[in-house]
């Protein structure tokens, strides 16, 4: 898909394009029937109004849910569907300000959370993965924070108080420097993920569930570990981290989301000695690695060589490359306002438009939905409708036979690998003014530098 968006294909994707909007709403309203039918869940609770479409051609979804689907968090487990329902409940387009419909979506989300919650509370410890409890995206923490958010929206205050306990109590375990032997600092399984989960919950609850002093302890430990590792390895970046002996740069376990976590706490960043300096210089280090075509390497080293990992089209997805890095650069631009960060975002969008139509499935991690979010980020930063038209093209690609075939070989349930993440992208596509990658708070946490609209205040 080379060059600029040409012709009038989806040229009317705008606030005035009611017909186009209705078409996408119907698509989004069509697939929940399939999801629910495949999971043998009572569709009558939706009273004939099907929510959340996915593909023109039917995708096979796993009908039999096993224990394997309980302990994978939102990544590839059924908890990802709970996030999808929470997203649907907040959609004015889907709910039409109908409080009963909102409640039904939230209750359905709670229904999908119940098996993982039972597993994490009651299933014998010997059957769990070692990092289940502390891991965010692929583990228990994503389930717990979603549980809190759904209960808050259902206004179940007593249950909410109990649901907060495992979230608040986890902080002490994360104060152990190396609680995971493979690496304890990253977004998916480490401290950065926990801190990001708390920040996301802060915007759900109106207040951070953890006291400021405890937050500061975890943030400071995360910062100091990055400094210590960078000094030991003589890294060109003031902050560097390692996961499984690799200095990843991408969002899953790498430097980008760790730095973004610091940017989500701008008050702490500016009040801690040298923190803002080191974080900004580390962001600039990543920026210096952006290639001429706009992509980024997947890690800062190849094991045993100390060399940068190669930059090739196969790393152009959210988990590796420009589609993941755009969120860090967007956060940096909103906090500091440097034009070079916005230019980096534009380059990310350019290379994603050129090479980003991956056939690795519909999901967020390495599929079409994750890459499509690049254009929604650029739209929110700039207000330029051309990015919406490009997002429309990626949304349309979700409906192709190639993606259907790729989806057959991946998990169908989760937020990051399955249909739930793709549905979230579609909801954000039809409501782009509030679009945000799942669990990220780029447009809520940092200062409001952007080219369109009013600056958003710090929380």
Protein backbone atom coordinates (compact mmCIF):
# COMPACT_ATOMS: atom_id res chain seq x y z
CA UNK A 1 0.00 0.00 0.00
CA UNK A 2 2.33 2.71 -1.26
CA UNK A 3 1.97 6.45 -1.60
CA UNK A 4 -0.73 8.81 -0.40
CA UNK A 5 -4.33 7.80 0.02
CA UNK A 6 -5.80 8.22 -3.45
CA UNK A 7 -9.29 8.43 -4.86
CA UNK A 8 -12.50 8.76 -2.93
CA UNK A 9 -12.32 5.41 -1.11
CA UNK A 10 -13.68 6.19 2.34
CA UNK A 11 -13.14 9.87 1.54
CA UNK A 12 -16.33 10.64 3.42
CA UNK A 13 -15.14 9.22 6.75
CA UNK A 14 -15.94 12.34 8.74
CA UNK A 15 -18.37 13.70 11.26
CA UNK A 16 -20.84 14.43 8.48
CA UNK A 17 -20.69 10.97 6.93
CA UNK A 18 -23.70 9.43 8.65
CA UNK A 19 -24.14 6.66 6.11
CA UNK A 20 -20.54 5.54 6.45
CA UNK A 21 -20.79 5.68 10.21
CA UNK A 22 -23.93 3.57 10.22
CA UNK A 23 -22.22 0.97 8.04
CA UNK A 24 -19.39 0.58 10.52
CA UNK A 25 -21.79 0.58 13.45
CA UNK A 26 -23.69 -2.30 11.87
CA UNK A 27 -20.46 -4.19 11.34
CA UNK A 28 -19.54 -3.65 14.95
CA UNK A 29 -23.05 -4.63 15.95
CA UNK A 30 -22.90 -7.84 13.92
CA UNK A 31 -20.06 -9.88 15.40
CA UNK A 32 -21.02 -10.14 19.03
CA UNK A 33 -23.67 -12.56 17.87
CA UNK A 34 -20.88 -14.74 16.50
CA UNK A 35 -18.71 -14.37 19.58
CA UNK A 36 -21.57 -15.19 21.89
CA UNK A 37 -22.84 -18.07 19.74
CA UNK A 38 -19.39 -19.63 19.65
CA UNK A 39 -19.08 -19.36 23.42
CA UNK A 40 -22.63 -20.63 23.98
CA UNK A 41 -23.59 -17.54 25.96
CA UNK A 42 -27.24 -16.49 26.13
CA UNK A 43 -27.69 -13.91 23.39
CA UNK A 44 -31.20 -13.05 24.58
CA UNK A 45 -29.71 -10.77 27.21
CA UNK A 46 -28.88 -8.38 24.39
CA UNK A 47 -32.60 -8.24 23.47
CA UNK A 48 -31.95 -8.59 19.79
CA UNK A 49 -29.34 -5.83 19.62
CA UNK A 50 -26.11 -7.52 18.59
CA UNK A 51 -22.96 -5.73 19.53
CA UNK A 52 -19.49 -5.69 18.09
CA UNK A 53 -19.01 -7.03 14.59
CA UNK A 54 -15.90 -8.51 13.21
CA UNK A 55 -15.61 -10.16 9.84
CA UNK A 56 -17.67 -10.50 6.69
CA UNK A 57 -16.56 -14.09 6.54
CA UNK A 58 -17.10 -16.16 9.62
CA UNK A 59 -14.06 -16.78 11.79
CA UNK A 60 -13.86 -20.01 13.77
CA UNK A 61 -13.66 -19.20 17.47
CA UNK A 62 -12.73 -21.69 20.14
CA UNK A 63 -15.98 -22.98 21.59
CA UNK A 64 -14.54 -25.05 24.42
CA UNK A 65 -12.89 -22.88 27.06
CA UNK A 66 -10.21 -24.59 29.13
CA UNK A 67 -8.05 -23.67 32.10
CA UNK A 68 -5.44 -22.48 29.63
CA UNK A 69 -7.78 -19.61 28.75
CA UNK A 70 -8.13 -18.53 32.39
CA UNK A 71 -4.55 -17.75 33.39
CA UNK A 72 -3.39 -15.85 30.32
CA UNK A 73 -4.79 -12.54 31.47
CA UNK A 74 -6.10 -10.29 28.74
CA UNK A 75 -3.32 -11.24 26.33
CA UNK A 76 -4.91 -14.39 24.93
CA UNK A 77 -7.35 -15.36 27.69
CA UNK A 78 -11.07 -14.76 27.98
CA UNK A 79 -10.49 -11.74 30.23
CA UNK A 80 -9.74 -9.87 27.00
CA UNK A 81 -13.43 -10.12 26.13
CA UNK A 82 -14.23 -8.36 29.41
CA UNK A 83 -12.15 -5.38 28.29
CA UNK A 84 -14.02 -5.43 24.98
CA UNK A 85 -17.38 -5.27 26.77
CA UNK A 86 -16.15 -2.45 29.02
CA UNK A 87 -15.10 -0.56 25.91
CA UNK A 88 -18.51 -1.20 24.34
CA UNK A 89 -20.27 0.02 27.48
CA UNK A 90 -18.48 3.37 27.16
CA UNK A 91 -19.32 3.77 23.48
CA UNK A 92 -22.03 6.34 22.80
CA UNK A 93 -22.37 4.98 19.28
CA UNK A 94 -23.15 1.46 20.45
CA UNK A 95 -25.15 2.26 23.56
CA UNK A 96 -26.96 5.40 22.34
CA UNK A 97 -27.02 6.67 25.95
CA UNK A 98 -29.17 3.70 26.94
CA UNK A 99 -28.33 2.92 30.57
CA UNK A 100 -29.86 -0.55 30.31
CA UNK A 101 -27.63 -1.42 27.38
CA UNK A 102 -24.58 -0.09 29.23
CA UNK A 103 -25.43 -2.28 32.21
CA UNK A 104 -25.85 -5.35 30.01
CA UNK A 105 -22.43 -4.87 28.47
CA UNK A 106 -20.85 -4.43 31.89
CA UNK A 107 -22.59 -7.51 33.25
CA UNK A 108 -21.42 -9.51 30.25
CA UNK A 109 -17.88 -8.31 30.92
CA UNK A 110 -18.20 -9.44 34.52
CA UNK A 111 -19.38 -12.82 33.27
CA UNK A 112 -16.18 -13.28 31.28
CA UNK A 113 -14.07 -12.21 34.26
CA UNK A 114 -15.56 -14.72 36.67
CA UNK A 115 -13.66 -17.86 35.53
CA UNK A 116 -10.22 -16.17 35.57
CA UNK A 117 -10.98 -14.61 38.96
CA UNK A 118 -11.93 -17.99 40.38
CA UNK A 119 -8.76 -19.43 38.93
CA UNK A 120 -6.48 -16.79 40.42
CA UNK A 121 -8.18 -16.84 43.80
CA UNK A 122 -8.84 -20.56 44.24
CA UNK A 123 -6.87 -22.71 41.84
CA UNK A 124 -4.00 -24.51 43.62
CA UNK A 125 -0.78 -22.53 43.52
CA UNK A 126 1.21 -25.45 42.16
CA UNK A 127 -0.75 -25.31 38.91
CA UNK A 128 -0.07 -21.63 38.27
CA UNK A 129 2.76 -20.09 36.32
CA UNK A 130 5.33 -18.47 38.59
CA UNK A 131 4.67 -14.95 37.34
CA UNK A 132 0.87 -15.25 37.12
CA UNK A 133 0.19 -13.02 40.09
CA UNK A 134 2.53 -10.14 39.28
CA UNK A 135 2.19 -10.14 35.49
CA UNK A 136 -0.02 -7.44 34.01
CA UNK A 137 -1.07 -8.18 30.43
CA UNK A 138 -0.58 -12.00 30.40
CA UNK A 139 -1.35 -12.54 34.09
CA UNK A 140 -3.54 -11.83 37.10
CA UNK A 141 -3.08 -8.08 37.35
CA UNK A 142 -4.99 -7.34 34.14
CA UNK A 143 -7.87 -9.46 35.44
CA UNK A 144 -7.91 -7.69 38.79
CA UNK A 145 -7.79 -4.14 37.41
CA UNK A 146 -10.52 -4.96 34.91
CA UNK A 147 -12.61 -6.40 37.71
CA UNK A 148 -12.22 -3.14 39.63
CA UNK A 149 -13.14 -1.03 36.60
CA UNK A 150 -16.23 -3.06 35.74
CA UNK A 151 -17.47 -3.00 39.34
CA UNK A 152 -16.91 0.75 39.51
CA UNK A 153 -18.99 1.28 36.39
CA UNK A 154 -21.69 -1.02 37.80
CA UNK A 155 -21.61 1.05 41.02
CA UNK A 156 -21.06 -2.04 43.18
CA UNK A 157 -19.20 -0.27 45.97
CA UNK A 158 -18.90 -3.07 48.49
CA UNK A 159 -17.58 -5.55 45.93
CA UNK A 160 -15.26 -2.85 44.60
CA UNK A 161 -13.57 -2.46 47.97
CA UNK A 162 -12.73 -6.17 48.10
CA UNK A 163 -11.64 -6.23 44.44
CA UNK A 164 -9.09 -3.50 45.11
CA UNK A 165 -7.24 -5.59 47.69
CA UNK A 166 -5.13 -7.77 45.33
CA UNK A 167 -4.27 -4.69 43.26
CA UNK A 168 -3.10 -2.66 46.25
CA UNK A 169 -1.34 -5.56 47.96
CA UNK A 170 0.84 -6.43 44.96
CA UNK A 171 3.11 -3.41 45.35
CA UNK A 172 5.20 -4.93 48.13
CA UNK A 173 6.19 -7.92 46.02
CA UNK A 174 7.32 -5.60 43.24
CA UNK A 175 9.71 -3.90 45.65
CA UNK A 176 11.87 -7.05 45.57
CA UNK A 177 14.49 -6.09 42.96
CA UNK A 178 14.59 -9.37 41.01
CA UNK A 179 11.25 -11.01 41.75
CA UNK A 180 11.33 -12.50 38.23
CA UNK A 181 14.61 -14.15 37.15
CA UNK A 182 14.07 -13.26 33.48
CA UNK A 183 13.53 -9.55 34.15
CA UNK A 184 11.31 -7.67 36.58
CA UNK A 185 10.87 -4.22 35.04
CA UNK A 186 8.89 -4.53 31.80
CA UNK A 187 5.34 -3.71 30.79
CA UNK A 188 3.90 -7.18 30.29
CA UNK A 189 5.23 -8.85 33.44
CA UNK A 190 7.07 -6.32 35.59
CA UNK A 191 7.00 -3.04 37.48
CA UNK A 192 6.17 -0.88 34.47
CA UNK A 193 3.04 -2.93 33.85
CA UNK A 194 1.88 -2.59 37.45
CA UNK A 195 2.45 1.16 37.44
CA UNK A 196 0.65 1.51 34.11
CA UNK A 197 -2.27 -0.53 35.42
CA UNK A 198 -2.55 1.77 38.43
CA UNK A 199 -2.47 4.86 36.22
CA UNK A 200 -5.20 3.43 33.98
CA UNK A 201 -7.27 2.64 37.07
CA UNK A 202 -6.76 6.19 38.29
CA UNK A 203 -8.71 7.48 35.32
CA UNK A 204 -11.39 4.84 35.86
CA UNK A 205 -11.79 5.54 39.58
CA UNK A 206 -10.93 9.22 39.78
CA UNK A 207 -8.05 8.47 42.16
CA UNK A 208 -5.02 6.20 42.15
CA UNK A 209 -5.71 3.13 44.31
CA UNK A 210 -2.16 3.17 45.71
CA UNK A 211 -0.85 5.81 48.09
CA UNK A 212 1.58 8.33 46.60
CA UNK A 213 4.44 7.23 48.85
CA UNK A 214 4.17 3.63 47.69
CA UNK A 215 3.87 4.68 44.05
CA UNK A 216 7.01 6.74 44.43
CA UNK A 217 8.91 3.79 45.89
CA UNK A 218 8.12 1.58 42.89
CA UNK A 219 8.78 4.36 40.36
CA UNK A 220 12.13 5.19 41.98
CA UNK A 221 13.17 1.54 42.05
CA UNK A 222 12.28 1.19 38.37
CA UNK A 223 14.35 4.28 37.56
CA UNK A 224 17.37 3.21 39.59
CA UNK A 225 17.43 -0.26 38.08
CA UNK A 226 17.52 1.25 34.62
CA UNK A 227 20.39 3.54 35.60
CA UNK A 228 22.37 0.73 37.23
CA UNK A 229 22.01 -1.60 34.27
CA UNK A 230 22.95 1.16 31.82
CA UNK A 231 26.11 1.93 33.78
CA UNK A 232 27.10 -1.73 34.08
CA UNK A 233 26.66 -2.37 30.36
CA UNK A 234 27.95 1.04 29.22
CA UNK A 235 24.74 1.66 27.38
CA UNK A 236 24.49 4.80 25.24
CA UNK A 237 21.10 5.35 26.88
CA UNK A 238 20.97 6.69 30.47
CA UNK A 239 18.31 4.07 31.18
CA UNK A 240 18.36 0.52 29.85
CA UNK A 241 16.71 -2.73 30.88
CA UNK A 242 17.10 -6.39 30.02
CA UNK A 243 14.52 -9.17 29.70
CA UNK A 244 15.71 -12.71 29.15
CA UNK A 245 19.20 -11.36 28.31
CA UNK A 246 17.89 -9.13 25.52
CA UNK A 247 17.70 -5.33 25.64
CA UNK A 248 14.30 -5.08 24.02
CA UNK A 249 13.08 -1.74 22.76
CA UNK A 250 9.48 -2.67 21.92
CA UNK A 251 6.40 -2.43 24.14
CA UNK A 252 6.04 -5.97 25.48
CA UNK A 253 9.18 -6.21 27.61
CA UNK A 254 11.27 -3.33 26.36
CA UNK A 255 12.47 0.18 26.98
CA UNK A 256 9.69 2.06 25.17
CA UNK A 257 6.81 1.23 27.52
CA UNK A 258 9.04 1.58 30.59
CA UNK A 259 9.84 5.12 29.50
CA UNK A 260 6.19 5.71 28.68
CA UNK A 261 5.31 4.61 32.21
CA UNK A 262 7.46 7.42 33.59
CA UNK A 263 5.73 9.87 31.24
CA UNK A 264 2.38 8.76 32.64
CA UNK A 265 3.47 10.21 36.01
CA UNK A 266 4.65 13.71 35.02
CA UNK A 267 4.37 15.15 38.54
CA UNK A 268 6.69 12.47 39.92
CA UNK A 269 8.98 12.81 36.93
CA UNK A 270 9.50 16.53 37.50
CA UNK A 271 9.89 16.24 41.25
CA UNK A 272 12.55 13.51 41.28
CA UNK A 273 16.21 14.42 40.94
CA UNK A 274 17.51 13.93 37.40
CA UNK A 275 14.56 11.69 36.52
CA UNK A 276 13.18 13.88 33.75
CA UNK A 277 16.67 14.43 32.33
CA UNK A 278 17.44 10.70 32.17
CA UNK A 279 14.03 9.76 30.79
CA UNK A 280 14.14 12.43 28.09
CA UNK A 281 17.66 11.48 27.03
CA UNK A 282 16.57 7.84 26.87
CA UNK A 283 13.60 8.76 24.68
CA UNK A 284 16.02 10.69 22.48
CA UNK A 285 18.26 7.62 22.30
CA UNK A 286 15.35 5.57 20.93
CA UNK A 287 14.52 8.42 18.56
CA UNK A 288 18.08 8.29 17.23
CA UNK A 289 17.52 4.66 16.20
CA UNK A 290 14.60 5.44 13.89
CA UNK A 291 15.58 4.51 10.36
CA UNK A 292 15.13 6.65 7.28
CA UNK A 293 11.92 4.82 6.40
CA UNK A 294 10.50 5.39 9.90
CA UNK A 295 10.87 1.96 11.48
CA UNK A 296 12.78 1.00 14.65
CA UNK A 297 14.93 -2.01 15.57
CA UNK A 298 13.38 -4.52 17.91
CA UNK A 299 16.18 -4.47 20.47
CA UNK A 300 19.37 -2.68 21.36
CA UNK A 301 21.47 -5.83 21.23
CA UNK A 302 21.77 -9.24 19.68
CA UNK A 303 22.63 -11.78 22.40
CA UNK A 304 26.35 -12.41 22.40
CA UNK A 305 27.18 -9.68 19.87
CA UNK A 306 26.21 -6.34 21.42
CA UNK A 307 24.93 -5.24 17.99
CA UNK A 308 21.58 -3.69 17.13
CA UNK A 309 18.99 -6.11 15.89
CA UNK A 310 18.28 -5.70 12.23
CA UNK A 311 15.50 -3.44 11.03
CA UNK A 312 13.29 -5.22 8.51
CA UNK A 313 9.62 -5.26 7.47
CA UNK A 314 8.98 -8.32 9.63
CA UNK A 315 9.40 -6.15 12.74
CA UNK A 316 6.69 -3.70 11.67
CA UNK A 317 4.02 -4.44 14.24
CA UNK A 318 2.97 -3.16 17.65
CA UNK A 319 5.23 -5.53 19.56
CA UNK A 320 8.28 -4.66 17.43
CA UNK A 321 8.86 -1.53 15.42
CA UNK A 322 7.12 1.73 14.56
CA UNK A 323 3.51 0.77 15.42
CA UNK A 324 4.55 0.32 19.06
CA UNK A 325 7.01 3.21 19.23
CA UNK A 326 4.46 5.77 18.03
CA UNK A 327 2.77 5.73 21.44
CA UNK A 328 6.01 6.67 23.23
CA UNK A 329 6.75 9.45 20.78
CA UNK A 330 3.18 10.74 21.07
CA UNK A 331 3.47 10.81 24.85
CA UNK A 332 6.84 12.60 24.61
CA UNK A 333 5.37 15.20 22.25
CA UNK A 334 2.41 15.82 24.53
CA UNK A 335 4.63 16.25 27.58
CA UNK A 336 7.54 18.23 26.14
CA UNK A 337 6.19 19.60 22.86
CA UNK A 338 9.36 19.02 20.83
CA UNK A 339 8.58 18.98 17.11
CA UNK A 340 11.00 16.09 16.53
CA UNK A 341 8.70 13.75 18.44
CA UNK A 342 5.71 14.66 16.29
CA UNK A 343 7.84 14.20 13.18
CA UNK A 344 8.81 10.76 14.48
CA UNK A 345 5.11 9.92 14.85
CA UNK A 346 4.47 10.98 11.26
CA UNK A 347 7.31 8.74 10.08
CA UNK A 348 5.81 5.85 12.05
CA UNK A 349 2.52 6.43 10.26
CA UNK A 350 4.23 6.67 6.87
CA UNK A 351 6.08 3.37 7.19
CA UNK A 352 3.01 1.65 8.64
CA UNK A 353 1.00 2.84 5.64
CA UNK A 354 3.68 1.58 3.27
CA UNK A 355 4.40 -1.79 4.88
CA UNK A 356 1.99 -2.36 7.75
CA UNK A 357 -0.71 -4.53 6.19
CA UNK A 358 0.52 -7.60 8.00
CA UNK A 359 -1.18 -10.96 7.47
CA UNK A 360 -0.44 -12.15 11.00
CA UNK A 361 -4.04 -11.86 12.14
CA UNK A 362 -6.49 -9.29 13.42
CA UNK A 363 -5.08 -8.60 16.87
CA UNK A 364 -3.23 -5.84 18.65
CA UNK A 365 0.15 -7.42 19.34
CA UNK A 366 1.26 -8.32 15.83
CA UNK A 367 -1.86 -7.88 13.74
CA UNK A 368 -3.86 -5.34 11.79
CA UNK A 369 -5.58 -3.71 14.76
CA UNK A 370 -2.31 -2.87 16.52
CA UNK A 371 -0.91 -1.30 13.35
CA UNK A 372 -4.16 0.54 12.65
CA UNK A 373 -3.94 2.36 15.96
CA UNK A 374 -0.97 4.31 14.57
CA UNK A 375 -3.33 6.38 12.42
CA UNK A 376 -5.75 7.00 15.27
CA UNK A 377 -2.84 8.31 17.37
CA UNK A 378 -1.84 10.67 14.57
CA UNK A 379 -5.41 11.83 14.15
CA UNK A 380 -5.66 12.70 17.83
CA UNK A 381 -2.34 14.53 17.71
CA UNK A 382 -3.02 16.49 14.53
CA UNK A 383 -6.73 16.41 13.73
CA UNK A 384 -5.85 15.61 10.11
CA UNK A 385 -8.64 13.59 8.47
CA UNK A 386 -6.21 11.87 6.10
CA UNK A 387 -5.14 9.67 9.03
CA UNK A 388 -8.76 8.63 9.56
CA UNK A 389 -8.99 7.55 5.95
CA UNK A 390 -5.89 5.43 6.39
CA UNK A 391 -7.32 3.93 9.56
CA UNK A 392 -10.43 3.09 7.53
CA UNK A 393 -8.34 1.16 5.01
CA UNK A 394 -6.81 -0.94 7.82
CA UNK A 395 -10.25 -1.51 9.31
CA UNK A 396 -11.47 -2.71 5.93
CA UNK A 397 -8.49 -5.07 5.63
CA UNK A 398 -9.77 -6.85 8.74
CA UNK A 399 -12.52 -8.17 6.53
CA UNK A 400 -10.30 -9.94 4.01
CA UNK A 401 -9.84 -13.66 3.53
CA UNK A 402 -6.11 -13.36 4.31
CA UNK A 403 -6.85 -12.12 7.82
CA UNK A 404 -9.52 -14.75 8.32
CA UNK A 405 -7.03 -17.49 7.49
CA UNK A 406 -4.35 -15.98 9.72
CA UNK A 407 -6.83 -15.73 12.58
CA UNK A 408 -7.50 -19.46 12.41
CA UNK A 409 -3.98 -20.18 13.64
CA UNK A 410 -4.01 -17.73 16.56
CA UNK A 411 -5.90 -17.47 19.82
CA UNK A 412 -9.38 -16.11 19.19
CA UNK A 413 -10.24 -15.00 22.69
CA UNK A 414 -7.71 -12.48 23.86
CA UNK A 415 -7.32 -8.74 23.70
CA UNK A 416 -3.84 -8.83 22.18
CA UNK A 417 -4.05 -11.85 19.88
CA UNK A 418 -7.74 -12.34 19.27
CA UNK A 419 -10.92 -10.66 18.16
CA UNK A 420 -11.42 -8.53 21.26
CA UNK A 421 -8.54 -6.20 20.40
CA UNK A 422 -9.73 -5.84 16.83
CA UNK A 423 -13.19 -4.90 18.05
CA UNK A 424 -11.68 -2.25 20.34
CA UNK A 425 -9.86 -0.80 17.33
CA UNK A 426 -13.11 -0.69 15.37
CA UNK A 427 -14.90 1.09 18.22
CA UNK A 428 -12.11 3.65 18.40
CA UNK A 429 -12.21 4.02 14.63
CA UNK A 430 -15.85 5.09 14.70
CA UNK A 431 -15.20 7.30 17.76
CA UNK A 432 -11.71 8.62 16.95
CA UNK A 433 -11.84 11.71 19.17
CA UNK A 434 -11.49 9.47 22.23
CA UNK A 435 -9.35 6.71 20.68
CA UNK A 436 -6.66 5.19 22.89
CA UNK A 437 -4.75 1.92 22.67
CA UNK A 438 -6.08 -0.48 25.33
CA UNK A 439 -4.73 0.25 28.82
CA UNK A 440 -2.62 3.17 27.56
CA UNK A 441 -3.19 6.68 28.92
CA UNK A 442 -1.15 8.74 26.46
CA UNK A 443 -3.94 11.27 25.95
CA UNK A 444 -4.89 11.47 29.61
CA UNK A 445 -1.65 11.51 31.58
CA UNK A 446 0.70 13.95 29.91
CA UNK A 447 0.52 17.63 29.09
CA UNK A 448 -1.69 18.58 26.19
CA UNK A 449 0.64 19.44 23.32
CA UNK A 450 -1.24 18.66 20.15
CA UNK A 451 -2.04 20.41 16.90
CA UNK A 452 -5.82 20.23 17.19
CA UNK A 453 -8.27 21.00 19.95
CA UNK A 454 -7.55 22.27 23.42
CA UNK A 455 -4.76 21.05 25.63
CA UNK A 456 -5.91 18.44 28.10
CA UNK A 457 -5.03 19.22 31.71
CA UNK A 458 -2.84 17.05 33.84
CA UNK A 459 -4.79 14.67 36.03
